[in-house]
Amino acid sequence: MKSSHRIFFNTFVMYIKMVINIAVGLFTTRYVLEALGLENFGIFGLVGSIIGLLGFLNTTMAAATQRFLSYHRKLGNLNSVFTTSIILHFFIGIAVVILLEVGGFLFLDSLNIHTDRKAMAHFVFHCVTVTTFFSIISTPYHALINAHEDMYFIAIISIIEVFTKLGIALCLFVTPYDSLGTYAVAMMVLAVIMRVIQSIFCKIRYPKVIFSRKSINTILTKKMLAFSGWNFFSSICAVFRTSSLPVLINLFFGTAMNAVFNLANQVTAQISTLSGALSKASAPQIISGTVDTNLERSIMLATSSCKFQLFLVSLLGIPLILNIDYVLLIWLKEVPEYLSIFCCLAITNEIMLNISKGLQSLVDGRGFIRGFRISIGFSYLIVLPIAYILLKIGYPPYSIYVAFLIASIFEIALRIYFAYRHASLSIPHFLKEIFKVLAIVLMVFLLIWLVVLELAANYSPLAKLLISTLLSTALMSSSLWLALNLKERYFVKGLWKKIKEKF
């Protein structure tokens, strides 16, 4: 299979997974909220806020391991990388567990949680700690699958996982035990099962890639340790930011607002899978291109990845923002105060971040990440002082997303700068390509907004949602051709011709 066609196939598989995950995941969240109640849901979102980080933490850590696996796959030296990554992630997992358990008591006692739920909050925290450990040690297996571009297995296992979570949510309505404790235990057990399934698949699918002490390479270990160390630094900064924000909200507004913040994060997480699908499909080839010093192709793939990620996230985000009240009403039946504006600002921030997300693999592939990861880490942290100042002087809770938007601007600029510095990215060319898509996004948003206002008086909310979604899809898709360069148009034409030949 040609490399470009493999990217398309992997992207298609990941999008099928994404559609199912979003549909089932949103219903799961709704049922969990109904079964636990707003207060317990807020406690789980607060005490177990690190669960929301696991996707990002694992993605970030897997990117480091995947970089070496993709790089050394062409060199035929995977055993050393795989063995080192297992050892490295095991010790990282142990260190994280110790930090969580030692600091957990101080963390929990400082929270604004009702006295009769304190003991359950401690129990949930221990379950989340175990879940975190198994998620971390699963990272090498997940990265190995990514490096071999076996996205179909990732899609299958992800679909199984999301349906299992739906089953857990439904069981909460009939469990004779405390629903919050039951949910925490079930999520912990699920994490263990996923770890076992991934390891079994890797042993069957890649029998030549094994854990062996004889494969340990001291020089490679030092390189991986340095790379993963800087990667882990930025991950810790992200963990600290995302863990601290629920605490900040809790101190100012209580657990009910934590539930609102948690729900908004659920919506954002579903949208981020949209861009993640394309990023995951293209990353191995962007990284492996640096092995052959084929930087021109890697830069082209990274730029195109940014364009398509921005396009696809906007394709979903525009109708969602303009119809957010109705969508949330269908999803939750009773919509908490501030949730609509939380979601709109969170989606806007996610759209912005996709301007430069595709450059991540390009910088990682080059391997010069110390300055990049330090800078990105601090861009994550600046959210906290800005959010604290805004809340302290009396601004409403959704003002924390102003801090997110400011930090996102820094993050975009840093990715572009380091891609220029280490991979010779042409900044004027990149901005020109991105602004083509950005102009389409803004134009379509304004047009659909006017259409929605016009429809408001004469049509039902469902009709507005359907019309605005279909219209924005048609306009975005037809306009995208104008934003493609010659190579991208040639690829699309060839792909279309291949599809017609098959059908």
Foldseek 3Di string as FASTA:
>chain_A
DDLLVLLVVLLVLLVVLLVLLLVLVLLLVQLLCVLQDLLLLLLCCQLLVCVLLLVVLLVLLLLLLLLVCLQCVVVVQQQQSLQLQLVVLLVVLVVQLVVCVVCVVVVLVLFDHDPVCSVVSVLLNNLSSLLSSLSSSLSSLVSNCLSVSVSNVVSVLSSVLSVQSSVLSVVSNPDPDNSSNSNSNSSSVSSVVSSVVSVVCCCVVPVVHDHDPVSHDPVVSVLSCVSSVLSVLLSVLLSCLSSVLSRLCCVQPNSSVSSLLSVLSSLLVSLLSSLVSSLSSQLSVLLNCVSVPVLVVSLVSLLVSLLVSLLRLLLVLLLCLLLVVVVVCVSNVDRDPPSSVLNNLSSVLSSLLSNRPSLPSNLVSLSPCNVLSVQSSVLSNQLVVVQNVCVVVPHDNSCSSVSSNVSSVSNRVSSLVSCCVRSVRDSVVSVLLSVLSVVLSVVLSVVLSVVLVVCVVPDDSVVNSVVSSVVSVVSSVVSVVVSDDPVVVVSVVVVVVVVVVVD
